[in-house]
C-alpha atoms as a PDB file:
ATOM      1  CA  MET A   1       7.798  -5.634 -32.156  1.00  0.00           C
ATOM      2  CA  ARG A   2       5.492  -6.292 -28.924  1.00  0.00           C
ATOM      3  CA  TYR A   3       4.445  -3.415 -26.995  1.00  0.00           C
ATOM      4  CA  ILE A   4       2.053  -4.732 -24.059  1.00  0.00           C
ATOM      5  CA  ALA A   5       0.069  -2.929 -21.163  1.00  0.00           C
ATOM      6  CA  LEU A   6      -0.532  -5.751 -18.389  1.00  0.00           C
ATOM      7  CA  TYR A   7      -1.781  -4.836 -14.635  1.00  0.00           C
ATOM      8  CA  LYS A   8       0.738  -6.472 -12.419  1.00  0.00           C
ATOM      9  CA  PRO A   9      -1.048  -8.183  -9.381  1.00  0.00           C
ATOM     10  CA  TYR A  10       0.197  -7.881  -5.881  1.00  0.00           C
ATOM     11  CA  GLY A  11       2.491 -10.478  -4.853  1.00  0.00           C
ATOM     12  CA  VAL A  12       4.271 -10.956  -8.490  1.00  0.00           C
ATOM     13  CA  LEU A  13       7.592 -10.404  -9.397  1.00  0.00           C
ATOM     14  CA  SER A  14       8.579  -8.316 -12.105  1.00  0.00           C
ATOM     15  CA  SER A  15      10.349 -11.027 -14.206  1.00  0.00           C
ATOM     16  CA  PHE A  16       9.586 -14.280 -15.897  1.00  0.00           C
ATOM     17  CA  THR A  17      11.757 -16.405 -14.077  1.00  0.00           C
ATOM     18  CA  HIS A  18      12.663 -16.607  -9.942  1.00  0.00           C
ATOM     19  CA  GLU A  19      15.571 -18.046  -8.310  1.00  0.00           C
ATOM     20  CA  VAL A  20      14.960 -18.861  -4.677  1.00  0.00           C
ATOM     21  CA  GLN A  21      17.339 -18.352  -2.174  1.00  0.00           C
ATOM     22  CA  SER A  22      15.614 -18.326   1.286  1.00  0.00           C
ATOM     23  CA  ALA A  23      12.700 -20.503   1.875  1.00  0.00           C
ATOM     24  CA  SER A  24      10.517 -17.221   2.083  1.00  0.00           C
ATOM     25  CA  ASP A  25      11.348 -16.696  -1.521  1.00  0.00           C
ATOM     26  CA  ALA A  26       9.905 -20.075  -2.510  1.00  0.00           C
ATOM     27  CA  GLY A  27       6.552 -20.367  -4.456  1.00  0.00           C
ATOM     28  CA  LYS A  28       6.734 -16.445  -5.543  1.00  0.00           C
ATOM     29  CA  ARG A  29       4.798 -15.800  -8.457  1.00  0.00           C
ATOM     30  CA  THR A  30       6.150 -14.284 -11.666  1.00  0.00           C
ATOM     31  CA  LEU A  31       5.042 -12.858 -15.227  1.00  0.00           C
ATOM     32  CA  GLY A  32       5.567 -16.369 -16.514  1.00  0.00           C
ATOM     33  CA  GLU A  33       1.791 -17.394 -15.405  1.00  0.00           C
ATOM     34  CA  PHE A  34       0.051 -14.395 -17.571  1.00  0.00           C
ATOM     35  CA  ALA A  35       0.360 -16.300 -20.893  1.00  0.00           C
ATOM     36  CA  LEU A  36       2.786 -13.399 -22.250  1.00  0.00           C
ATOM     37  CA  PRO A  37       4.202 -13.539 -25.428  1.00  0.00           C
ATOM     38  CA  LYS A  38       7.904 -14.945 -25.624  1.00  0.00           C
ATOM     39  CA  ASN A  39      10.899 -12.463 -25.486  1.00  0.00           C
ATOM     40  CA  VAL A  40       8.911  -9.587 -23.977  1.00  0.00           C
ATOM     41  CA  TYR A  41      10.688  -7.864 -21.120  1.00  0.00           C
ATOM     42  CA  ALA A  42       9.542  -5.485 -18.415  1.00  0.00           C
ATOM     43  CA  ALA A  43      10.594  -1.953 -19.219  1.00  0.00           C
ATOM     44  CA  GLY A  44      11.432  -1.055 -15.730  1.00  0.00           C
ATOM     45  CA  ARG A  45       9.703  -3.005 -12.715  1.00  0.00           C
ATOM     46  CA  LEU A  46       7.111  -3.015  -9.912  1.00  0.00           C
ATOM     47  CA  ASP A  47       7.881  -4.404  -6.472  1.00  0.00           C
ATOM     48  CA  PHE A  48       6.811  -7.501  -5.223  1.00  0.00           C
ATOM     49  CA  ASP A  49       4.512  -6.159  -3.039  1.00  0.00           C
ATOM     50  CA  SER A  50       3.326  -3.606  -5.710  1.00  0.00           C
ATOM     51  CA  GLU A  51       0.503  -3.414  -8.023  1.00  0.00           C
ATOM     52  CA  GLY A  52      -0.369  -1.837 -11.193  1.00  0.00           C
ATOM     53  CA  LEU A  53       1.014  -0.607 -14.929  1.00  0.00           C
ATOM     54  CA  LEU A  54       3.561  -2.556 -15.998  1.00  0.00           C
ATOM     55  CA  LEU A  55       5.176  -2.089 -19.925  1.00  0.00           C
ATOM     56  CA  LEU A  56       6.716  -5.042 -21.371  1.00  0.00           C
ATOM     57  CA  SER A  57       8.298  -5.084 -24.977  1.00  0.00           C
ATOM     58  CA  ASP A  58      11.251  -7.081 -26.944  1.00  0.00           C
ATOM     59  CA  ASP A  59      11.978  -3.376 -28.314  1.00  0.00           C
ATOM     60  CA  GLY A  60      15.407  -2.693 -26.346  1.00  0.00           C
ATOM     61  CA  ALA A  61      15.008   1.264 -27.845  1.00  0.00           C
ATOM     62  CA  PHE A  62      11.333   1.538 -26.524  1.00  0.00           C
ATOM     63  CA  ILE A  63      12.446  -0.565 -23.095  1.00  0.00           C
ATOM     64  CA  HIS A  64      15.433   1.974 -22.789  1.00  0.00           C
ATOM     65  CA  HIS A  65      12.989   5.106 -23.639  1.00  0.00           C
ATOM     66  CA  VAL A  66      10.691   4.291 -21.251  1.00  0.00           C
ATOM     67  CA  THR A  67      13.364   3.589 -18.002  1.00  0.00           C
ATOM     68  CA  ASP A  68      16.208   6.047 -19.032  1.00  0.00           C
ATOM     69  CA  PRO A  69      15.869   8.857 -16.704  1.00  0.00           C
ATOM     70  CA  ARG A  70      17.135  11.022 -19.197  1.00  0.00           C
ATOM     71  CA  TYR A  71      13.446  11.020 -20.951  1.00  0.00           C
ATOM     72  CA  LYS A  72      11.733  11.791 -17.889  1.00  0.00           C
ATOM     73  CA  GLN A  73       8.874   9.605 -18.911  1.00  0.00           C
ATOM     74  CA  PRO A  74       6.145  10.771 -15.776  1.00  0.00           C
ATOM     75  CA  LYS A  75       5.570   7.559 -13.909  1.00  0.00           C
ATOM     76  CA  THR A  76       1.847   8.128 -11.860  1.00  0.00           C
ATOM     77  CA  TYR A  77       1.197   6.501  -8.569  1.00  0.00           C
ATOM     78  CA  LEU A  78      -1.454   6.438  -6.115  1.00  0.00           C
ATOM     79  CA  ALA A  79      -0.072   5.271  -2.689  1.00  0.00           C
ATOM     80  CA  GLN A  80      -2.071   4.523   0.614  1.00  0.00           C
ATOM     81  CA  VAL A  81      -0.636   6.051   3.642  1.00  0.00           C
ATOM     82  CA  GLU A  82      -0.738   5.530   7.137  1.00  0.00           C
ATOM     83  CA  GLY A  83      -0.876   8.860   8.749  1.00  0.00           C
ATOM     84  CA  THR A  84      -2.561  12.168   7.635  1.00  0.00           C
ATOM     85  CA  PRO A  85      -0.534  14.012   4.723  1.00  0.00           C
ATOM     86  CA  THR A  86       0.135  17.485   5.755  1.00  0.00           C
ATOM     87  CA  GLU A  87       0.870  20.396   3.346  1.00  0.00           C
ATOM     88  CA  GLU A  88       4.472  20.408   4.959  1.00  0.00           C
ATOM     89  CA  ALA A  89       4.856  16.721   4.024  1.00  0.00           C
ATOM     90  CA  LEU A  90       3.326  17.167   0.485  1.00  0.00           C
ATOM     91  CA  ALA A  91       5.538  20.110  -0.265  1.00  0.00           C
ATOM     92  CA  ARG A  92       8.923  18.394   1.033  1.00  0.00           C
ATOM     93  CA  LEU A  93       7.949  15.294  -1.526  1.00  0.00           C
ATOM     94  CA  ARG A  94       7.446  17.956  -4.086  1.00  0.00           C
ATOM     95  CA  ARG A  95      11.167  19.478  -3.576  1.00  0.00           C
ATOM     96  CA  GLY A  96      12.667  16.428  -3.380  1.00  0.00           C
ATOM     97  CA  LEU A  97      14.655  14.841  -0.617  1.00  0.00           C
ATOM     98  CA  ARG A  98      17.382  13.180   0.602  1.00  0.00           C
ATOM     99  CA  ILE A  99      16.823   9.107   0.599  1.00  0.00           C
ATOM    100  CA  GLN A 100      19.143   6.581   1.453  1.00  0.00           C
ATOM    101  CA  ASP A 101      22.250   8.210  -0.818  1.00  0.00           C
ATOM    102  CA  TYR A 102      20.516  10.263  -3.213  1.00  0.00           C
ATOM    103  CA  THR A 103      17.995  13.318  -3.146  1.00  0.00           C
ATOM    104  CA  THR A 104      15.215  12.674  -5.421  1.00  0.00           C
ATOM    105  CA  ALA A 105      14.197  14.650  -8.551  1.00  0.00           C
ATOM    106  CA  PRO A 106      11.370  17.395  -7.940  1.00  0.00           C
ATOM    107  CA  CYS A 107       7.862  15.917  -8.457  1.00  0.00           C
ATOM    108  CA  HIS A 108       4.309  16.114  -7.929  1.00  0.00           C
ATOM    109  CA  ALA A 109       2.465  15.696  -4.995  1.00  0.00           C
ATOM    110  CA  ARG A 110      -1.161  15.896  -3.846  1.00  0.00           C
ATOM    111  CA  THR A 111      -3.708  14.332  -1.700  1.00  0.00           C
ATOM    112  CA  LEU A 112      -6.563  12.546  -3.013  1.00  0.00           C
ATOM    113  CA  HIS A 113      -9.882  13.529  -1.678  1.00  0.00           C
ATOM    114  CA  ASP A 114     -13.342  11.513  -1.468  1.00  0.00           C
ATOM    115  CA  GLY A 115     -14.684  10.267  -5.235  1.00  0.00           C
ATOM    116  CA  GLU A 116     -10.683  10.230  -6.763  1.00  0.00           C
ATOM    117  CA  ILE A 117     -10.213   7.596  -4.048  1.00  0.00           C
ATOM    118  CA  PRO A 118      -9.632   4.112  -6.579  1.00  0.00           C
ATOM    119  CA  LEU A 119     -12.064   1.226  -5.927  1.00  0.00           C
ATOM    120  CA  LEU A 120      -9.407  -1.160  -6.325  1.00  0.00           C
ATOM    121  CA  PRO A 121      -9.721  -4.991  -5.676  1.00  0.00           C
ATOM    122  CA  ALA A 122      -9.317  -6.738  -2.636  1.00  0.00           C
ATOM    123  CA  ARG A 123      -5.495  -8.458  -1.919  1.00  0.00           C
ATOM    124  CA  SER A 124      -4.672 -11.924  -1.262  1.00  0.00           C
ATOM    125  CA  LYS A 125      -3.070 -10.109   1.928  1.00  0.00           C
ATOM    126  CA  PRO A 126      -5.114  -7.543   3.909  1.00  0.00           C
ATOM    127  CA  ILE A 127      -3.871  -4.363   4.973  1.00  0.00           C
ATOM    128  CA  THR A 128      -3.818  -3.766   8.485  1.00  0.00           C
ATOM    129  CA  PRO A 129      -3.351   0.113   9.259  1.00  0.00           C
ATOM    130  CA  HIS A 130      -2.591   1.132  13.012  1.00  0.00           C
ATOM    131  CA  GLY A 131      -4.277   4.334  12.534  1.00  0.00           C
ATOM    132  CA  PRO A 132      -5.965   6.644  10.147  1.00  0.00           C
ATOM    133  CA  THR A 133      -5.363   6.157   6.301  1.00  0.00           C
ATOM    134  CA  ALA A 134      -4.842   8.536   3.229  1.00  0.00           C
ATOM    135  CA  TRP A 135      -4.202   8.257  -0.439  1.00  0.00           C
ATOM    136  CA  ILE A 136      -1.858  10.299  -2.431  1.00  0.00           C
ATOM    137  CA  GLU A 137      -0.760  11.054  -5.768  1.00  0.00           C
ATOM    138  CA  LEU A 138       2.902  11.286  -6.971  1.00  0.00           C
ATOM    139  CA  ILE A 139       4.104  11.922 -10.548  1.00  0.00           C
ATOM    140  CA  LEU A 140       7.992  10.840 -10.893  1.00  0.00           C
ATOM    141  CA  SER A 141       9.880  11.514 -13.527  1.00  0.00           C
ATOM    142  CA  GLU A 142      12.625   8.701 -11.744  1.00  0.00           C
ATOM    143  CA  GLY A 143      11.964   5.586 -10.643  1.00  0.00           C
ATOM    144  CA  LYS A 144      14.817   3.749  -8.251  1.00  0.00           C
ATOM    145  CA  LYS A 145      14.447   1.272  -5.884  1.00  0.00           C
ATOM    146  CA  ARG A 146      11.292   1.482  -3.752  1.00  0.00           C
ATOM    147  CA  GLN A 147      11.398   5.291  -4.403  1.00  0.00           C
ATOM    148  CA  VAL A 148       8.091   6.140  -3.371  1.00  0.00           C
ATOM    149  CA  ARG A 149       8.096   3.844   0.128  1.00  0.00           C
ATOM    150  CA  HIS A 150      11.082   5.219   0.883  1.00  0.00           C
ATOM    151  CA  MET A 151       9.903   8.975   0.244  1.00  0.00           C
ATOM    152  CA  THR A 152       6.803   8.644   2.114  1.00  0.00           C
ATOM    153  CA  ALA A 153       8.248   7.158   4.576  1.00  0.00           C
ATOM    154  CA  THR A 154      11.034   9.800   5.065  1.00  0.00           C
ATOM    155  CA  VAL A 155       8.117  12.330   5.611  1.00  0.00           C
ATOM    156  CA  GLY A 156       6.452  10.299   8.293  1.00  0.00           C
ATOM    157  CA  LEU A 157       3.827   8.333   5.903  1.00  0.00           C
ATOM    158  CA  PRO A 158       4.807   4.772   5.480  1.00  0.00           C
ATOM    159  CA  THR A 159       3.093   3.226   2.146  1.00  0.00           C
ATOM    160  CA  LEU A 160       0.438   0.696   2.622  1.00  0.00           C
ATOM    161  CA  ARG A 161      -0.749   0.010  -0.550  1.00  0.00           C
ATOM    162  CA  LEU A 162       1.046   1.398  -4.077  1.00  0.00           C
ATOM    163  CA  LEU A 163      -0.337   1.426  -7.359  1.00  0.00           C
ATOM    164  CA  ARG A 164       0.958   2.753 -10.577  1.00  0.00           C
ATOM    165  CA  VAL A 165      -1.854   3.601 -12.739  1.00  0.00           C
ATOM    166  CA  ALA A 166       0.461   5.330 -15.872  1.00  0.00           C
ATOM    167  CA  ILE A 167       3.483   5.544 -17.485  1.00  0.00           C
ATOM    168  CA  GLY A 168       3.352   8.913 -19.707  1.00  0.00           C
ATOM    169  CA  THR A 169      -0.226   8.838 -21.511  1.00  0.00           C
ATOM    170  CA  ILE A 170      -0.606   5.113 -21.153  1.00  0.00           C
ATOM    171  CA  THR A 171      -2.789   4.052 -18.237  1.00  0.00           C
ATOM    172  CA  LEU A 172      -4.543   1.286 -16.490  1.00  0.00           C
ATOM    173  CA  ALA A 173      -7.857   2.009 -17.893  1.00  0.00           C
ATOM    174  CA  GLY A 174      -9.868  -0.977 -19.338  1.00  0.00           C
ATOM    175  CA  LEU A 175      -7.233  -3.597 -17.840  1.00  0.00           C
ATOM    176  CA  GLU A 176      -8.600  -5.931 -15.185  1.00  0.00           C
ATOM    177  CA  VAL A 177      -5.714  -7.433 -12.552  1.00  0.00           C
ATOM    178  CA  GLY A 178      -3.441  -9.856 -14.059  1.00  0.00           C
ATOM    179  CA  ARG A 179      -4.723  -8.826 -17.819  1.00  0.00           C
ATOM    180  CA  TRP A 180      -2.498  -7.283 -20.674  1.00  0.00           C
ATOM    181  CA  ARG A 181      -3.385  -5.727 -23.986  1.00  0.00           C
ATOM    182  CA  ASN A 182      -1.293  -4.620 -27.029  1.00  0.00           C
ATOM    183  CA  LEU A 183      -0.411  -0.747 -27.009  1.00  0.00           C
ATOM    184  CA  THR A 184      -1.987   1.021 -29.849  1.00  0.00           C
ATOM    185  CA  PRO A 185      -0.045   2.764 -32.262  1.00  0.00           C
ATOM    186  CA  ASP A 186      -1.360   6.265 -30.895  1.00  0.00           C
ATOM    187  CA  GLU A 187      -0.112   5.294 -27.459  1.00  0.00           C
ATOM    188  CA  LEU A 188       3.503   4.532 -28.752  1.00  0.00           C
ATOM    189  CA  GLN A 189       3.271   7.874 -30.301  1.00  0.00           C
ATOM    190  CA  ARG A 190       2.653   9.881 -27.710  1.00  0.00           C
ATOM    191  CA  LEU A 191       4.971   7.634 -25.436  1.00  0.00           C
ATOM    192  CA  ARG A 192       7.887   8.316 -27.943  1.00  0.00           C
ATOM    193  CA  SER A 193       7.156  12.195 -28.222  1.00  0.00           C
END
């Protein structure tokens, strides 16, 4: 069995193939360009315009354990948002809030301070904020489609850049953008416990 951590770049789909449905879909990058082993699949996904940690495996039970909300695998995100996070906005995120057709589970949310803000490589599409920006950390136990972006927008803090830095105890530490590595037996044990 294979268990892999990949630092997915911005502008890459979380799949190996891509069905072009419109002119804007043509030429989108996929996981197929990263020389990953055959027959591995993403355990969950990161949106095209999000970046960071993506786990892959050929072990269906492992993928289920990572993605099923019953196991409450914490997923840690750093979001660069437009605006200044207030304690009220962070408290709303922490409690859970109504977005689209569901209410989010309670989560951890805090503002990052100087020294905690990540040094990230430039993106192919630069961020163009219209005002002040800040970084917040969110730790979720669920992961619905574009959930972090919907959550921050609901409290008036649109997400400009989104980076997943951890799933459980597995982090991006030591990985460069576009690179992957095999998970260690210790990492697998901690993730499964």
